Amino acid sequence: MDHAQQTARLAESAPVRIAACLGVCEHANVIVVQPSAAARAAGARPVWLGLVNDRDATDDIAAWAKAGGPGVAPCPDILDLYVFTPPRRAR
């Protein structure tokens, strides 16, 4: 997957931030879809998606984000294949 192309595609639908490391390299490419402030206040949480290495998955994520993302639009069933729970951070 071309990372620049993937980032550009996602940026068409939602703000994108690039992180050097999320501590889950075994799931690369990782995309974290953040809920809006209003959805977060209502209880929505970020959704972590891993192994996003193809255009179709990227397009599905972009469409979901454009529709509102977590707490606003239901996560498409196909994205269940990519959802994972990140490990808790060491304190």
PDB file of N, CA and C in Angstrom:
ATOM      1  N   MET A   1       0.856  -1.188   0.000  1.00  0.00           N
ATOM      2  CA  MET A   1       0.000   0.000   0.000  1.00  0.00           C
ATOM      3  C   MET A   1       0.885   1.229   0.000  1.00  0.00           C
ATOM      4  N   ASP A   2       0.595   2.148  -0.863  1.00  0.00           N
ATOM      5  CA  ASP A   2       1.297   3.424  -0.923  1.00  0.00           C
ATOM      6  C   ASP A   2       0.780   4.304   0.214  1.00  0.00           C
ATOM      7  N   HIS A   3       1.640   4.577   1.191  1.00  0.00           N
ATOM      8  CA  HIS A   3       1.207   5.330   2.380  1.00  0.00           C
ATOM      9  C   HIS A   3       0.746   6.740   2.039  1.00  0.00           C
ATOM     10  N   ALA A   4       1.446   7.403   1.139  1.00  0.00           N
ATOM     11  CA  ALA A   4       1.049   8.760   0.764  1.00  0.00           C
ATOM     12  C   ALA A   4      -0.323   8.754   0.104  1.00  0.00           C
ATOM     13  N   GLN A   5      -0.570   7.775  -0.741  1.00  0.00           N
ATOM     14  CA  GLN A   5      -1.865   7.657  -1.408  1.00  0.00           C
ATOM     15  C   GLN A   5      -2.964   7.337  -0.387  1.00  0.00           C
ATOM     16  N   GLN A   6      -2.666   6.454   0.559  1.00  0.00           N
ATOM     17  CA  GLN A   6      -3.637   6.100   1.593  1.00  0.00           C
ATOM     18  C   GLN A   6      -3.976   7.327   2.442  1.00  0.00           C
ATOM     19  N   THR A   7      -2.961   8.075   2.835  1.00  0.00           N
ATOM     20  CA  THR A   7      -3.170   9.281   3.638  1.00  0.00           C
ATOM     21  C   THR A   7      -3.995  10.305   2.872  1.00  0.00           C
ATOM     22  N   ALA A   8      -3.676  10.496   1.609  1.00  0.00           N
ATOM     23  CA  ALA A   8      -4.417  11.461   0.776  1.00  0.00           C
ATOM     24  C   ALA A   8      -5.878  11.044   0.654  1.00  0.00           C
ATOM     25  N   ARG A   9      -6.138   9.767   0.470  1.00  0.00           N
ATOM     26  CA  ARG A   9      -7.518   9.282   0.349  1.00  0.00           C
ATOM     27  C   ARG A   9      -8.295   9.539   1.639  1.00  0.00           C
ATOM     28  N   LEU A  10      -7.684   9.240   2.778  1.00  0.00           N
ATOM     29  CA  LEU A  10      -8.355   9.454   4.051  1.00  0.00           C
ATOM     30  C   LEU A  10      -8.576  10.940   4.319  1.00  0.00           C
ATOM     31  N   ALA A  11      -7.627  11.769   3.929  1.00  0.00           N
ATOM     32  CA  ALA A  11      -7.724  13.217   4.155  1.00  0.00           C
ATOM     33  C   ALA A  11      -8.859  13.851   3.362  1.00  0.00           C
ATOM     34  N   GLU A  12      -9.343  13.177   2.337  1.00  0.00           N
ATOM     35  CA  GLU A  12     -10.498  13.679   1.586  1.00  0.00           C
ATOM     36  C   GLU A  12     -11.771  13.627   2.434  1.00  0.00           C
ATOM     37  N   SER A  13     -11.780  12.781   3.472  1.00  0.00           N
ATOM     38  CA  SER A  13     -12.986  12.546   4.261  1.00  0.00           C
ATOM     39  C   SER A  13     -12.914  13.018   5.703  1.00  0.00           C
ATOM     40  N   ALA A  14     -11.708  13.160   6.231  1.00  0.00           N
ATOM     41  CA  ALA A  14     -11.559  13.511   7.647  1.00  0.00           C
ATOM     42  C   ALA A  14     -10.161  14.063   7.887  1.00  0.00           C
ATOM     43  N   PRO A  15      -9.991  14.817   8.964  1.00  0.00           N
ATOM     44  CA  PRO A  15      -8.641  15.260   9.316  1.00  0.00           C
ATOM     45  C   PRO A  15      -7.753  14.042   9.582  1.00  0.00           C
ATOM     46  N   VAL A  16      -6.497  14.125   9.175  1.00  0.00           N
ATOM     47  CA  VAL A  16      -5.561  13.012   9.332  1.00  0.00           C
ATOM     48  C   VAL A  16      -4.334  13.503  10.092  1.00  0.00           C
ATOM     49  N   ARG A  17      -3.928  12.732  11.079  1.00  0.00           N
ATOM     50  CA  ARG A  17      -2.671  12.974  11.799  1.00  0.00           C
ATOM     51  C   ARG A  17      -1.797  11.749  11.609  1.00  0.00           C
ATOM     52  N   ILE A  18      -0.524  11.966  11.371  1.00  0.00           N
ATOM     53  CA  ILE A  18       0.427  10.874  11.200  1.00  0.00           C
ATOM     54  C   ILE A  18       1.225  10.745  12.492  1.00  0.00           C
ATOM     55  N   ALA A  19       1.345   9.524  13.010  1.00  0.00           N
ATOM     56  CA  ALA A  19       2.123   9.266  14.215  1.00  0.00           C
ATOM     57  C   ALA A  19       3.306   8.370  13.850  1.00  0.00           C
ATOM     58  N   ALA A  20       4.429   8.635  14.456  1.00  0.00           N
ATOM     59  CA  ALA A  20       5.618   7.825  14.188  1.00  0.00           C
ATOM     60  C   ALA A  20       5.430   6.400  14.701  1.00  0.00           C
ATOM     61  N   CYS A  21       4.841   6.264  15.890  1.00  0.00           N
ATOM     62  CA  CYS A  21       4.690   4.927  16.469  1.00  0.00           C
ATOM     63  C   CYS A  21       3.491   4.896  17.396  1.00  0.00           C
ATOM     64  N   LEU A  22       2.657   3.890  17.220  1.00  0.00           N
ATOM     65  CA  LEU A  22       1.525   3.667  18.115  1.00  0.00           C
ATOM     66  C   LEU A  22       1.756   2.439  18.994  1.00  0.00           C
ATOM     67  N   GLY A  23       2.916   1.806  18.824  1.00  0.00           N
ATOM     68  CA  GLY A  23       3.259   0.654  19.643  1.00  0.00           C
ATOM     69  C   GLY A  23       2.582  -0.640  19.238  1.00  0.00           C
ATOM     70  N   VAL A  24       2.054  -0.695  18.026  1.00  0.00           N
ATOM     71  CA  VAL A  24       1.373  -1.911  17.570  1.00  0.00           C
ATOM     72  C   VAL A  24       1.820  -2.259  16.147  1.00  0.00           C
ATOM     73  N   CYS A  25       3.121  -2.315  15.954  1.00  0.00           N
ATOM     74  CA  CYS A  25       3.681  -2.565  14.616  1.00  0.00           C
ATOM     75  C   CYS A  25       3.177  -3.859  13.992  1.00  0.00           C
ATOM     76  N   GLU A  26       2.834  -4.841  14.824  1.00  0.00           N
ATOM     77  CA  GLU A  26       2.355  -6.114  14.291  1.00  0.00           C
ATOM     78  C   GLU A  26       1.019  -5.972  13.564  1.00  0.00           C
ATOM     79  N   HIS A  27       0.375  -4.820  13.701  1.00  0.00           N
ATOM     80  CA  HIS A  27      -0.911  -4.559  13.042  1.00  0.00           C
ATOM     81  C   HIS A  27      -0.801  -3.553  11.892  1.00  0.00           C
ATOM     82  N   ALA A  28       0.425  -3.179  11.498  1.00  0.00           N
ATOM     83  CA  ALA A  28       0.605  -2.138  10.474  1.00  0.00           C
ATOM     84  C   ALA A  28      -0.073  -2.547   9.166  1.00  0.00           C
ATOM     85  N   ASN A  29      -0.665  -1.650   8.539  1.00  0.00           N
ATOM     86  CA  ASN A  29      -0.934  -0.239   8.733  1.00  0.00           C
ATOM     87  C   ASN A  29      -2.088  -0.060   9.713  1.00  0.00           C
ATOM     88  N   VAL A  30      -1.902   0.804  10.682  1.00  0.00           N
ATOM     89  CA  VAL A  30      -2.914   1.063  11.693  1.00  0.00           C
ATOM     90  C   VAL A  30      -3.576   2.407  11.421  1.00  0.00           C
ATOM     91  N   ILE A  31      -4.892   2.417  11.503  1.00  0.00           N
ATOM     92  CA  ILE A  31      -5.676   3.642  11.381  1.00  0.00           C
ATOM     93  C   ILE A  31      -6.580   3.708  12.597  1.00  0.00           C
ATOM     94  N   VAL A  32      -6.561   4.844  13.293  1.00  0.00           N
ATOM     95  CA  VAL A  32      -7.428   5.054  14.447  1.00  0.00           C
ATOM     96  C   VAL A  32      -8.458   6.105  14.054  1.00  0.00           C
ATOM     97  N   VAL A  33      -9.718   5.724  14.071  1.00  0.00           N
ATOM     98  CA  VAL A  33     -10.795   6.650  13.716  1.00  0.00           C
ATOM     99  C   VAL A  33     -11.336   7.242  15.013  1.00  0.00           C
ATOM    100  N   GLN A  34     -11.174   8.548  15.156  1.00  0.00           N
ATOM    101  CA  GLN A  34     -11.598   9.248  16.360  1.00  0.00           C
ATOM    102  C   GLN A  34     -13.045   9.717  16.215  1.00  0.00           C
ATOM    103  N   PRO A  35     -13.813   9.649  17.299  1.00  0.00           N
ATOM    104  CA  PRO A  35     -15.175  10.201  17.252  1.00  0.00           C
ATOM    105  C   PRO A  35     -15.118  11.726  17.315  1.00  0.00           C
ATOM    106  N   SER A  36     -16.169  12.357  16.868  1.00  0.00           N
ATOM    107  CA  SER A  36     -16.268  13.812  17.003  1.00  0.00           C
ATOM    108  C   SER A  36     -16.351  14.149  18.486  1.00  0.00           C
ATOM    109  N   ALA A  37     -16.153  15.410  18.825  1.00  0.00           N
ATOM    110  CA  ALA A  37     -16.239  15.836  20.228  1.00  0.00           C
ATOM    111  C   ALA A  37     -17.617  15.523  20.806  1.00  0.00           C
ATOM    112  N   ALA A  38     -18.663  15.781  20.036  1.00  0.00           N
ATOM    113  CA  ALA A  38     -20.023  15.511  20.514  1.00  0.00           C
ATOM    114  C   ALA A  38     -20.246  14.016  20.715  1.00  0.00           C
ATOM    115  N   ALA A  39     -19.776  13.203  19.783  1.00  0.00           N
ATOM    116  CA  ALA A  39     -19.939  11.752  19.914  1.00  0.00           C
ATOM    117  C   ALA A  39     -19.122  11.233  21.091  1.00  0.00           C
ATOM    118  N   ARG A  40     -17.948  11.796  21.287  1.00  0.00           N
ATOM    119  CA  ARG A  40     -17.104  11.380  22.422  1.00  0.00           C
ATOM    120  C   ARG A  40     -17.804  11.715  23.743  1.00  0.00           C
ATOM    121  N   ALA A  41     -18.391  12.904  23.811  1.00  0.00           N
ATOM    122  CA  ALA A  41     -19.117  13.310  25.023  1.00  0.00           C
ATOM    123  C   ALA A  41     -20.298  12.379  25.295  1.00  0.00           C
ATOM    124  N   ALA A  42     -20.851  11.797  24.229  1.00  0.00           N
ATOM    125  CA  ALA A  42     -21.985  10.877  24.376  1.00  0.00           C
ATOM    126  C   ALA A  42     -21.527   9.438  24.633  1.00  0.00           C
ATOM    127  N   GLY A  43     -20.198   9.225  24.704  1.00  0.00           N
ATOM    128  CA  GLY A  43     -19.690   7.901  25.043  1.00  0.00           C
ATOM    129  C   GLY A  43     -18.959   7.152  23.951  1.00  0.00           C
ATOM    130  N   ALA A  44     -18.899   7.697  22.741  1.00  0.00           N
ATOM    131  CA  ALA A  44     -18.193   7.009  21.657  1.00  0.00           C
ATOM    132  C   ALA A  44     -16.692   7.006  21.939  1.00  0.00           C
ATOM    133  N   ARG A  45     -16.023   5.976  21.499  1.00  0.00           N
ATOM    134  CA  ARG A  45     -14.584   5.836  21.696  1.00  0.00           C
ATOM    135  C   ARG A  45     -13.887   5.631  20.359  1.00  0.00           C
ATOM    136  N   PRO A  46     -12.583   5.897  20.315  1.00  0.00           N
ATOM    137  CA  PRO A  46     -11.828   5.661  19.071  1.00  0.00           C
ATOM    138  C   PRO A  46     -11.911   4.188  18.655  1.00  0.00           C
ATOM    139  N   VAL A  47     -11.857   3.956  17.366  1.00  0.00           N
ATOM    140  CA  VAL A  47     -11.849   2.594  16.826  1.00  0.00           C
ATOM    141  C   VAL A  47     -10.503   2.380  16.147  1.00  0.00           C
ATOM    142  N   TRP A  48      -9.801   1.343  16.565  1.00  0.00           N
ATOM    143  CA  TRP A  48      -8.495   0.998  16.012  1.00  0.00           C
ATOM    144  C   TRP A  48      -8.682  -0.071  14.943  1.00  0.00           C
ATOM    145  N   LEU A  49      -8.098   0.177  13.788  1.00  0.00           N
ATOM    146  CA  LEU A  49      -8.164  -0.769  12.678  1.00  0.00           C
ATOM    147  C   LEU A  49      -6.735  -1.104  12.259  1.00  0.00           C
ATOM    148  N   GLY A  50      -6.447  -2.392  12.124  1.00  0.00           N
ATOM    149  CA  GLY A  50      -5.107  -2.820  11.766  1.00  0.00           C
ATOM    150  C   GLY A  50      -5.081  -3.618  10.487  1.00  0.00           C
ATOM    151  N   LEU A  51      -3.878  -3.770   9.954  1.00  0.00           N
ATOM    152  CA  LEU A  51      -3.639  -4.507   8.716  1.00  0.00           C
ATOM    153  C   LEU A  51      -4.431  -3.905   7.553  1.00  0.00           C
ATOM    154  N   VAL A  52      -4.538  -2.583   7.562  1.00  0.00           N
ATOM    155  CA  VAL A  52      -5.267  -1.881   6.501  1.00  0.00           C
ATOM    156  C   VAL A  52      -4.276  -1.648   5.362  1.00  0.00           C
ATOM    157  N   ASN A  53      -4.170  -2.653   4.515  1.00  0.00           N
ATOM    158  CA  ASN A  53      -3.159  -2.644   3.462  1.00  0.00           C
ATOM    159  C   ASN A  53      -3.737  -2.745   2.056  1.00  0.00           C
ATOM    160  N   ASP A  54      -4.993  -2.377   1.902  1.00  0.00           N
ATOM    161  CA  ASP A  54      -5.554  -2.392   0.553  1.00  0.00           C
ATOM    162  C   ASP A  54      -6.490  -1.204   0.349  1.00  0.00           C
ATOM    163  N   ARG A  55      -6.682  -0.856  -0.896  1.00  0.00           N
ATOM    164  CA  ARG A  55      -7.474   0.320  -1.268  1.00  0.00           C
ATOM    165  C   ARG A  55      -8.933   0.197  -0.848  1.00  0.00           C
ATOM    166  N   ASP A  56      -9.513  -0.991  -0.979  1.00  0.00           N
ATOM    167  CA  ASP A  56     -10.931  -1.156  -0.627  1.00  0.00           C
ATOM    168  C   ASP A  56     -11.174  -0.856   0.848  1.00  0.00           C
ATOM    169  N   ALA A  57     -10.302  -1.356   1.725  1.00  0.00           N
ATOM    170  CA  ALA A  57     -10.455  -1.097   3.158  1.00  0.00           C
ATOM    171  C   ALA A  57     -10.299   0.390   3.444  1.00  0.00           C
ATOM    172  N   THR A  58      -9.334   1.019   2.806  1.00  0.00           N
ATOM    173  CA  THR A  58      -9.131   2.450   2.985  1.00  0.00           C
ATOM    174  C   THR A  58     -10.356   3.226   2.535  1.00  0.00           C
ATOM    175  N   ASP A  59     -10.931   2.842   1.415  1.00  0.00           N
ATOM    176  CA  ASP A  59     -12.148   3.506   0.927  1.00  0.00           C
ATOM    177  C   ASP A  59     -13.315   3.317   1.898  1.00  0.00           C
ATOM    178  N   ASP A  60     -13.449   2.110   2.468  1.00  0.00           N
ATOM    179  CA  ASP A  60     -14.518   1.851   3.438  1.00  0.00           C
ATOM    180  C   ASP A  60     -14.342   2.709   4.689  1.00  0.00           C
ATOM    181  N   ILE A  61     -13.112   2.847   5.145  1.00  0.00           N
ATOM    182  CA  ILE A  61     -12.834   3.673   6.327  1.00  0.00           C
ATOM    183  C   ILE A  61     -13.120   5.138   6.022  1.00  0.00           C
ATOM    184  N   ALA A  62     -12.696   5.607   4.856  1.00  0.00           N
ATOM    185  CA  ALA A  62     -12.941   7.001   4.474  1.00  0.00           C
ATOM    186  C   ALA A  62     -14.438   7.294   4.384  1.00  0.00           C
ATOM    187  N   ALA A  63     -15.202   6.374   3.819  1.00  0.00           N
ATOM    188  CA  ALA A  63     -16.653   6.572   3.711  1.00  0.00           C
ATOM    189  C   ALA A  63     -17.300   6.605   5.091  1.00  0.00           C
ATOM    190  N   TRP A  64     -16.846   5.746   5.995  1.00  0.00           N
ATOM    191  CA  TRP A  64     -17.382   5.725   7.352  1.00  0.00           C
ATOM    192  C   TRP A  64     -17.065   7.029   8.078  1.00  0.00           C
ATOM    193  N   ALA A  65     -15.831   7.493   7.952  1.00  0.00           N
ATOM    194  CA  ALA A  65     -15.442   8.756   8.595  1.00  0.00           C
ATOM    195  C   ALA A  65     -16.262   9.916   8.032  1.00  0.00           C
ATOM    196  N   LYS A  66     -16.458   9.921   6.729  1.00  0.00           N
ATOM    197  CA  LYS A  66     -17.243  10.995   6.103  1.00  0.00           C
ATOM    198  C   LYS A  66     -18.696  10.967   6.576  1.00  0.00           C
ATOM    199  N   ALA A  67     -19.211   9.765   6.866  1.00  0.00           N
ATOM    200  CA  ALA A  67     -20.589   9.624   7.349  1.00  0.00           C
ATOM    201  C   ALA A  67     -20.724   9.991   8.828  1.00  0.00           C
ATOM    202  N   GLY A  68     -19.610  10.227   9.510  1.00  0.00           N
ATOM    203  CA  GLY A  68     -19.654  10.637  10.912  1.00  0.00           C
ATOM    204  C   GLY A  68     -18.777   9.833  11.832  1.00  0.00           C
ATOM    205  N   GLY A  69     -18.419   8.609  11.430  1.00  0.00           N
ATOM    206  CA  GLY A  69     -17.515   7.794  12.237  1.00  0.00           C
ATOM    207  C   GLY A  69     -18.133   7.295  13.533  1.00  0.00           C
ATOM    208  N   PRO A  70     -17.286   6.914  14.500  1.00  0.00           N
ATOM    209  CA  PRO A  70     -17.753   6.310  15.748  1.00  0.00           C
ATOM    210  C   PRO A  70     -18.778   7.174  16.483  1.00  0.00           C
ATOM    211  N   GLY A  71     -19.850   6.529  16.899  1.00  0.00           N
ATOM    212  CA  GLY A  71     -20.880   7.217  17.667  1.00  0.00           C
ATOM    213  C   GLY A  71     -21.905   7.949  16.834  1.00  0.00           C
ATOM    214  N   VAL A  72     -21.652   8.074  15.535  1.00  0.00           N
ATOM    215  CA  VAL A  72     -22.576   8.782  14.643  1.00  0.00           C
ATOM    216  C   VAL A  72     -23.093   7.828  13.573  1.00  0.00           C
ATOM    217  N   ALA A  73     -22.176   7.165  12.892  1.00  0.00           N
ATOM    218  CA  ALA A  73     -22.530   6.226  11.824  1.00  0.00           C
ATOM    219  C   ALA A  73     -22.091   4.828  12.250  1.00  0.00           C
ATOM    220  N   PRO A  74     -22.888   3.813  11.966  1.00  0.00           N
ATOM    221  CA  PRO A  74     -22.469   2.457  12.325  1.00  0.00           C
ATOM    222  C   PRO A  74     -21.228   2.052  11.536  1.00  0.00           C
ATOM    223  N   CYS A  75     -20.350   1.332  12.197  1.00  0.00           N
ATOM    224  CA  CYS A  75     -19.150   0.831  11.530  1.00  0.00           C
ATOM    225  C   CYS A  75     -19.582  -0.237  10.521  1.00  0.00           C
ATOM    226  N   PRO A  76     -19.161  -0.111   9.270  1.00  0.00           N
ATOM    227  CA  PRO A  76     -19.528  -1.131   8.281  1.00  0.00           C
ATOM    228  C   PRO A  76     -19.049  -2.516   8.719  1.00  0.00           C
ATOM    229  N   ASP A  77     -19.883  -3.507   8.539  1.00  0.00           N
ATOM    230  CA  ASP A  77     -19.556  -4.870   8.960  1.00  0.00           C
ATOM    231  C   ASP A  77     -18.220  -5.343   8.422  1.00  0.00           C
ATOM    232  N   ILE A  78     -17.884  -4.983   7.193  1.00  0.00           N
ATOM    233  CA  ILE A  78     -16.632  -5.446   6.587  1.00  0.00           C
ATOM    234  C   ILE A  78     -15.422  -4.971   7.383  1.00  0.00           C
ATOM    235  N   LEU A  79     -15.550  -3.834   8.078  1.00  0.00           N
ATOM    236  CA  LEU A  79     -14.420  -3.318   8.842  1.00  0.00           C
ATOM    237  C   LEU A  79     -14.183  -4.091  10.135  1.00  0.00           C
ATOM    238  N   ASP A  80     -15.139  -4.943  10.532  1.00  0.00           N
ATOM    239  CA  ASP A  80     -14.927  -5.794  11.704  1.00  0.00           C
ATOM    240  C   ASP A  80     -13.690  -6.675  11.531  1.00  0.00           C
ATOM    241  N   LEU A  81     -13.339  -6.967  10.288  1.00  0.00           N
ATOM    242  CA  LEU A  81     -12.154  -7.780  10.004  1.00  0.00           C
ATOM    243  C   LEU A  81     -10.867  -7.078  10.422  1.00  0.00           C
ATOM    244  N   TYR A  82     -10.899  -5.763  10.539  1.00  0.00           N
ATOM    245  CA  TYR A  82      -9.710  -4.962  10.823  1.00  0.00           C
ATOM    246  C   TYR A  82      -9.669  -4.411  12.251  1.00  0.00           C
ATOM    247  N   VAL A  83     -10.804  -4.406  12.943  1.00  0.00           N
ATOM    248  CA  VAL A  83     -10.874  -3.810  14.277  1.00  0.00           C
ATOM    249  C   VAL A  83     -10.079  -4.654  15.277  1.00  0.00           C
ATOM    250  N   PHE A  84      -9.292  -3.979  16.107  1.00  0.00           N
ATOM    251  CA  PHE A  84      -8.596  -4.665  17.193  1.00  0.00           C
ATOM    252  C   PHE A  84      -8.541  -3.750  18.412  1.00  0.00           C
ATOM    253  N   THR A  85      -8.307  -4.351  19.552  1.00  0.00           N
ATOM    254  CA  THR A  85      -8.183  -3.603  20.800  1.00  0.00           C
ATOM    255  C   THR A  85      -6.696  -3.395  21.071  1.00  0.00           C
ATOM    256  N   PRO A  86      -6.266  -2.142  21.159  1.00  0.00           N
ATOM    257  CA  PRO A  86      -4.844  -1.897  21.402  1.00  0.00           C
ATOM    258  C   PRO A  86      -4.477  -2.277  22.833  1.00  0.00           C
ATOM    259  N   PRO A  87      -3.216  -2.625  23.045  1.00  0.00           N
ATOM    260  CA  PRO A  87      -2.800  -2.942  24.419  1.00  0.00           C
ATOM    261  C   PRO A  87      -2.840  -1.696  25.285  1.00  0.00           C
ATOM    262  N   ARG A  88      -3.049  -1.900  26.564  1.00  0.00           N
ATOM    263  CA  ARG A  88      -3.044  -0.763  27.493  1.00  0.00           C
ATOM    264  C   ARG A  88      -1.614  -0.234  27.596  1.00  0.00           C
ATOM    265  N   ARG A  89      -1.511   1.076  27.723  1.00  0.00           N
ATOM    266  CA  ARG A  89      -0.185   1.694  27.877  1.00  0.00           C
ATOM    267  C   ARG A  89       0.384   1.363  29.249  1.00  0.00           C
ATOM    268  N   ALA A  90       1.710   1.180  29.300  1.00  0.00           N
ATOM    269  CA  ALA A  90       2.377   0.990  30.584  1.00  0.00           C
ATOM    270  C   ALA A  90       2.364   2.318  31.331  1.00  0.00           C
ATOM    271  N   ARG A  91       2.122   2.255  32.600  1.00  0.00           N
ATOM    272  CA  ARG A  91       2.082   3.487  33.395  1.00  0.00           C
ATOM    273  C   ARG A  91       3.343   3.634  34.219  1.00  0.00           C
TER     274      ARG A  91
END
